[in-house]
């Protein structure tokens, strides 16, 4: 886990970040008690098996605009079931950590370094699920990119957690 950093105690248990908390340019935590017993990889599979409406269009638009600035296309999510393997890929993400309680995924590009970390902790009545996004911006384009993507990320995480 050379590219993962433990989050401070104020974050959900087991959360990993793309950089030490004091060096992050953005961070967001979405959290929900889910009335099921789930592991972090199972959360990923459930969320990805039913993509949110409009995500295909959002990724198409992201790729079309970002490619003008030399950022590679990511294409979005595949919807095919995938088993996370340490160091492997889940769609455009690299798997940095995988266990029953944590799934940490990174994407590094010219404009930003980002991590999505899913944590799943057993709790009375189900599983405490958190999705934490953290990032470091690498360019001016990255800063402009996050103007719409930051709020969109919050909404997407909120909707994904509600659909669990």
C-alpha atoms as a PDB file:
ATOM      1  CA  UNK A   1       0.000   0.000   0.000  1.00  0.00           C
ATOM      2  CA  UNK A   2       2.723   2.545  -0.823  1.00  0.00           C
ATOM      3  CA  UNK A   3       0.212   5.005  -2.285  1.00  0.00           C
ATOM      4  CA  UNK A   4      -2.337   4.777   0.527  1.00  0.00           C
ATOM      5  CA  UNK A   5      -2.332   6.887   3.658  1.00  0.00           C
ATOM      6  CA  UNK A   6      -4.352   6.134   6.796  1.00  0.00           C
ATOM      7  CA  UNK A   7      -7.002   8.745   7.469  1.00  0.00           C
ATOM      8  CA  UNK A   8      -7.171  10.583  10.796  1.00  0.00           C
ATOM      9  CA  UNK A   9      -9.501   9.147  13.475  1.00  0.00           C
ATOM     10  CA  UNK A  10     -12.283  11.584  12.483  1.00  0.00           C
ATOM     11  CA  UNK A  11     -12.831   9.513   9.292  1.00  0.00           C
ATOM     12  CA  UNK A  12     -14.690   6.176   9.144  1.00  0.00           C
ATOM     13  CA  UNK A  13     -12.652   3.283  10.518  1.00  0.00           C
ATOM     14  CA  UNK A  14     -10.105   1.905   8.028  1.00  0.00           C
ATOM     15  CA  UNK A  15     -10.362   4.779   5.539  1.00  0.00           C
ATOM     16  CA  UNK A  16      -7.374   5.280   3.260  1.00  0.00           C
ATOM     17  CA  UNK A  17      -6.524   8.530   1.472  1.00  0.00           C
ATOM     18  CA  UNK A  18      -4.486   9.373  -1.653  1.00  0.00           C
ATOM     19  CA  UNK A  19      -2.158  11.578   0.436  1.00  0.00           C
ATOM     20  CA  UNK A  20      -1.813  12.599   4.070  1.00  0.00           C
ATOM     21  CA  UNK A  21      -4.946  14.532   5.075  1.00  0.00           C
ATOM     22  CA  UNK A  22      -3.107  17.849   5.417  1.00  0.00           C
ATOM     23  CA  UNK A  23      -1.897  17.593   1.788  1.00  0.00           C
ATOM     24  CA  UNK A  24      -5.287  16.920   0.176  1.00  0.00           C
ATOM     25  CA  UNK A  25      -6.870  19.440  -2.173  1.00  0.00           C
ATOM     26  CA  UNK A  26     -10.321  17.884  -1.780  1.00  0.00           C
ATOM     27  CA  UNK A  27     -12.023  15.223   0.274  1.00  0.00           C
ATOM     28  CA  UNK A  28     -15.597  14.034   0.669  1.00  0.00           C
ATOM     29  CA  UNK A  29     -17.117  11.314   2.863  1.00  0.00           C
ATOM     30  CA  UNK A  30     -20.545   9.832   2.222  1.00  0.00           C
ATOM     31  CA  UNK A  31     -21.830   7.385   4.819  1.00  0.00           C
ATOM     32  CA  UNK A  32     -24.901   5.226   5.423  1.00  0.00           C
ATOM     33  CA  UNK A  33     -26.023   2.363   7.635  1.00  0.00           C
ATOM     34  CA  UNK A  34     -27.166  -0.355   5.228  1.00  0.00           C
ATOM     35  CA  UNK A  35     -29.529  -3.006   6.666  1.00  0.00           C
ATOM     36  CA  UNK A  36     -27.493  -5.833   5.079  1.00  0.00           C
ATOM     37  CA  UNK A  37     -24.247  -7.611   5.882  1.00  0.00           C
ATOM     38  CA  UNK A  38     -21.823  -6.507   3.159  1.00  0.00           C
ATOM     39  CA  UNK A  39     -18.091  -6.462   2.529  1.00  0.00           C
ATOM     40  CA  UNK A  40     -16.402  -3.520   0.807  1.00  0.00           C
ATOM     41  CA  UNK A  41     -16.003  -5.472  -2.483  1.00  0.00           C
ATOM     42  CA  UNK A  42     -19.698  -6.450  -2.310  1.00  0.00           C
ATOM     43  CA  UNK A  43     -20.609  -2.765  -1.950  1.00  0.00           C
ATOM     44  CA  UNK A  44     -18.635  -2.033  -5.143  1.00  0.00           C
ATOM     45  CA  UNK A  45     -20.335  -4.901  -7.011  1.00  0.00           C
ATOM     46  CA  UNK A  46     -23.836  -3.834  -5.929  1.00  0.00           C
ATOM     47  CA  UNK A  47     -23.247  -0.180  -6.793  1.00  0.00           C
ATOM     48  CA  UNK A  48     -21.667  -0.964 -10.185  1.00  0.00           C
ATOM     49  CA  UNK A  49     -24.291  -3.550 -11.180  1.00  0.00           C
ATOM     50  CA  UNK A  50     -26.934  -0.790 -11.355  1.00  0.00           C
ATOM     51  CA  UNK A  51     -25.274   2.366 -12.698  1.00  0.00           C
ATOM     52  CA  UNK A  52     -26.972   5.648 -12.012  1.00  0.00           C
ATOM     53  CA  UNK A  53     -29.001   7.034 -14.920  1.00  0.00           C
ATOM     54  CA  UNK A  54     -26.985   9.559 -16.891  1.00  0.00           C
ATOM     55  CA  UNK A  55     -23.541   8.259 -15.887  1.00  0.00           C
ATOM     56  CA  UNK A  56     -22.753   7.122 -19.442  1.00  0.00           C
ATOM     57  CA  UNK A  57     -23.497  10.604 -20.758  1.00  0.00           C
ATOM     58  CA  UNK A  58     -21.510  12.212 -17.926  1.00  0.00           C
ATOM     59  CA  UNK A  59     -18.425  10.109 -18.714  1.00  0.00           C
ATOM     60  CA  UNK A  60     -18.794  10.788 -22.452  1.00  0.00           C
ATOM     61  CA  UNK A  61     -18.917  14.525 -21.755  1.00  0.00           C
ATOM     62  CA  UNK A  62     -15.974  14.299 -19.327  1.00  0.00           C
ATOM     63  CA  UNK A  63     -13.885  12.437 -21.905  1.00  0.00           C
ATOM     64  CA  UNK A  64     -14.817  14.798 -24.754  1.00  0.00           C
ATOM     65  CA  UNK A  65     -13.834  17.930 -22.829  1.00  0.00           C
ATOM     66  CA  UNK A  66     -10.837  16.512 -20.934  1.00  0.00           C
ATOM     67  CA  UNK A  67      -9.218  15.066 -24.053  1.00  0.00           C
ATOM     68  CA  UNK A  68      -8.825  18.633 -25.405  1.00  0.00           C
ATOM     69  CA  UNK A  69      -6.442  19.216 -22.475  1.00  0.00           C
ATOM     70  CA  UNK A  70      -4.376  16.067 -22.942  1.00  0.00           C
ATOM     71  CA  UNK A  71      -6.201  14.036 -20.301  1.00  0.00           C
ATOM     72  CA  UNK A  72      -6.775  10.443 -21.343  1.00  0.00           C
ATOM     73  CA  UNK A  73     -10.261   9.092 -21.879  1.00  0.00           C
ATOM     74  CA  UNK A  74     -11.558   6.741 -19.175  1.00  0.00           C
ATOM     75  CA  UNK A  75     -14.802   5.614 -20.796  1.00  0.00           C
ATOM     76  CA  UNK A  76     -16.795   5.113 -17.603  1.00  0.00           C
ATOM     77  CA  UNK A  77     -17.914   1.945 -15.891  1.00  0.00           C
ATOM     78  CA  UNK A  78     -18.289  -1.374 -17.702  1.00  0.00           C
ATOM     79  CA  UNK A  79     -21.163  -2.921 -15.696  1.00  0.00           C
ATOM     80  CA  UNK A  80     -19.513  -6.336 -15.946  1.00  0.00           C
ATOM     81  CA  UNK A  81     -18.871  -8.092 -12.627  1.00  0.00           C
ATOM     82  CA  UNK A  82     -15.221  -7.828 -11.682  1.00  0.00           C
ATOM     83  CA  UNK A  83     -13.295  -9.293  -8.773  1.00  0.00           C
ATOM     84  CA  UNK A  84     -10.914  -6.772  -7.187  1.00  0.00           C
ATOM     85  CA  UNK A  85      -7.313  -8.012  -7.106  1.00  0.00           C
ATOM     86  CA  UNK A  86      -4.559  -6.037  -5.385  1.00  0.00           C
ATOM     87  CA  UNK A  87      -2.652  -4.144  -8.090  1.00  0.00           C
ATOM     88  CA  UNK A  88      -5.268  -5.054 -10.697  1.00  0.00           C
ATOM     89  CA  UNK A  89      -7.817  -2.859 -12.425  1.00  0.00           C
ATOM     90  CA  UNK A  90     -11.501  -2.213 -11.839  1.00  0.00           C
ATOM     91  CA  UNK A  91     -12.541  -0.312 -14.940  1.00  0.00           C
ATOM     92  CA  UNK A  92     -10.251   2.763 -14.978  1.00  0.00           C
ATOM     93  CA  UNK A  93      -9.181   2.415 -11.324  1.00  0.00           C
ATOM     94  CA  UNK A  94      -6.118   0.639  -9.898  1.00  0.00           C
ATOM     95  CA  UNK A  95      -6.851  -1.507  -6.828  1.00  0.00           C
ATOM     96  CA  UNK A  96      -4.567  -0.233  -4.042  1.00  0.00           C
ATOM     97  CA  UNK A  97      -6.082  -2.175  -1.115  1.00  0.00           C
ATOM     98  CA  UNK A  98      -8.698  -4.899  -0.886  1.00  0.00           C
ATOM     99  CA  UNK A  99     -10.133  -6.750   2.103  1.00  0.00           C
ATOM    100  CA  UNK A 100     -13.581  -7.440   3.503  1.00  0.00           C
ATOM    101  CA  UNK A 101     -13.542  -4.060   5.227  1.00  0.00           C
ATOM    102  CA  UNK A 102     -11.680  -1.810   2.731  1.00  0.00           C
ATOM    103  CA  UNK A 103     -11.541  -1.347  -1.027  1.00  0.00           C
ATOM    104  CA  UNK A 104      -9.244   1.499  -2.116  1.00  0.00           C
ATOM    105  CA  UNK A 105      -9.136   2.487  -5.784  1.00  0.00           C
ATOM    106  CA  UNK A 106      -6.943   5.133  -7.420  1.00  0.00           C
ATOM    107  CA  UNK A 107      -6.811   7.009 -10.695  1.00  0.00           C
ATOM    108  CA  UNK A 108      -3.803   9.129 -11.575  1.00  0.00           C
ATOM    109  CA  UNK A 109      -3.698  11.433 -14.551  1.00  0.00           C
ATOM    110  CA  UNK A 110      -2.137  14.698 -15.724  1.00  0.00           C
ATOM    111  CA  UNK A 111      -4.774  16.760 -13.929  1.00  0.00           C
ATOM    112  CA  UNK A 112      -5.287  14.947 -10.620  1.00  0.00           C
ATOM    113  CA  UNK A 113      -4.607  11.987  -8.365  1.00  0.00           C
ATOM    114  CA  UNK A 114      -7.805  10.606  -6.908  1.00  0.00           C
ATOM    115  CA  UNK A 115      -8.822   7.797  -4.600  1.00  0.00           C
ATOM    116  CA  UNK A 116     -12.175   6.250  -3.859  1.00  0.00           C
ATOM    117  CA  UNK A 117     -12.132   4.261  -0.632  1.00  0.00           C
ATOM    118  CA  UNK A 118     -15.080   2.083   0.341  1.00  0.00           C
ATOM    119  CA  UNK A 119     -15.204   0.926   3.946  1.00  0.00           C
ATOM    120  CA  UNK A 120     -17.669  -1.601   5.330  1.00  0.00           C
ATOM    121  CA  UNK A 121     -17.856  -2.032   9.084  1.00  0.00           C
ATOM    122  CA  UNK A 122     -20.286  -4.399  10.833  1.00  0.00           C
ATOM    123  CA  UNK A 123     -22.770  -2.423  12.909  1.00  0.00           C
ATOM    124  CA  UNK A 124     -25.945  -3.185  14.855  1.00  0.00           C
ATOM    125  CA  UNK A 125     -28.654  -3.572  12.232  1.00  0.00           C
ATOM    126  CA  UNK A 126     -26.343  -4.016   9.247  1.00  0.00           C
ATOM    127  CA  UNK A 127     -23.182  -2.491   7.833  1.00  0.00           C
ATOM    128  CA  UNK A 128     -21.799   1.018   8.215  1.00  0.00           C
ATOM    129  CA  UNK A 129     -20.779   1.819   4.629  1.00  0.00           C
ATOM    130  CA  UNK A 130     -18.674   4.861   3.764  1.00  0.00           C
ATOM    131  CA  UNK A 131     -17.381   6.049   0.414  1.00  0.00           C
ATOM    132  CA  UNK A 132     -14.536   8.528   0.764  1.00  0.00           C
ATOM    133  CA  UNK A 133     -13.117  10.423  -2.180  1.00  0.00           C
ATOM    134  CA  UNK A 134      -9.785  12.184  -1.784  1.00  0.00           C
ATOM    135  CA  UNK A 135      -7.585  13.955  -4.248  1.00  0.00           C
ATOM    136  CA  UNK A 136      -4.607  16.089  -5.105  1.00  0.00           C
ATOM    137  CA  UNK A 137      -4.751  18.454  -8.052  1.00  0.00           C
ATOM    138  CA  UNK A 138      -1.841  18.499 -10.482  1.00  0.00           C
ATOM    139  CA  UNK A 139      -2.657  21.381 -12.835  1.00  0.00           C
ATOM    140  CA  UNK A 140      -4.814  24.421 -13.496  1.00  0.00           C
ATOM    141  CA  UNK A 141      -7.059  22.189 -15.558  1.00  0.00           C
ATOM    142  CA  UNK A 142      -7.441  19.950 -12.484  1.00  0.00           C
ATOM    143  CA  UNK A 143      -8.684  22.928 -10.463  1.00  0.00           C
ATOM    144  CA  UNK A 144     -11.195  23.905 -13.156  1.00  0.00           C
ATOM    145  CA  UNK A 145     -12.183  20.250 -13.594  1.00  0.00           C
ATOM    146  CA  UNK A 146     -13.119  19.984  -9.913  1.00  0.00           C
ATOM    147  CA  UNK A 147     -15.526  22.962 -10.078  1.00  0.00           C
ATOM    148  CA  UNK A 148     -18.312  20.786 -11.574  1.00  0.00           C
ATOM    149  CA  UNK A 149     -16.901  17.381 -10.575  1.00  0.00           C
ATOM    150  CA  UNK A 150     -16.637  18.135  -6.821  1.00  0.00           C
ATOM    151  CA  UNK A 151     -20.369  18.791  -6.331  1.00  0.00           C
ATOM    152  CA  UNK A 152     -21.252  16.038  -8.829  1.00  0.00           C
ATOM    153  CA  UNK A 153     -19.130  13.559  -6.854  1.00  0.00           C
ATOM    154  CA  UNK A 154     -21.028  14.405  -3.651  1.00  0.00           C
ATOM    155  CA  UNK A 155     -24.378  13.850  -5.393  1.00  0.00           C
ATOM    156  CA  UNK A 156     -23.260  10.616  -7.057  1.00  0.00           C
ATOM    157  CA  UNK A 157     -21.983   9.149  -3.771  1.00  0.00           C
ATOM    158  CA  UNK A 158     -25.187  10.177  -1.979  1.00  0.00           C
ATOM    159  CA  UNK A 159     -27.333   8.535  -4.684  1.00  0.00           C
ATOM    160  CA  UNK A 160     -25.207   5.368  -4.749  1.00  0.00           C
ATOM    161  CA  UNK A 161     -25.483   4.970  -0.986  1.00  0.00           C
ATOM    162  CA  UNK A 162     -29.249   5.491  -1.096  1.00  0.00           C
ATOM    163  CA  UNK A 163     -29.607   2.784  -3.761  1.00  0.00           C
ATOM    164  CA  UNK A 164     -27.803   0.179  -1.648  1.00  0.00           C
END
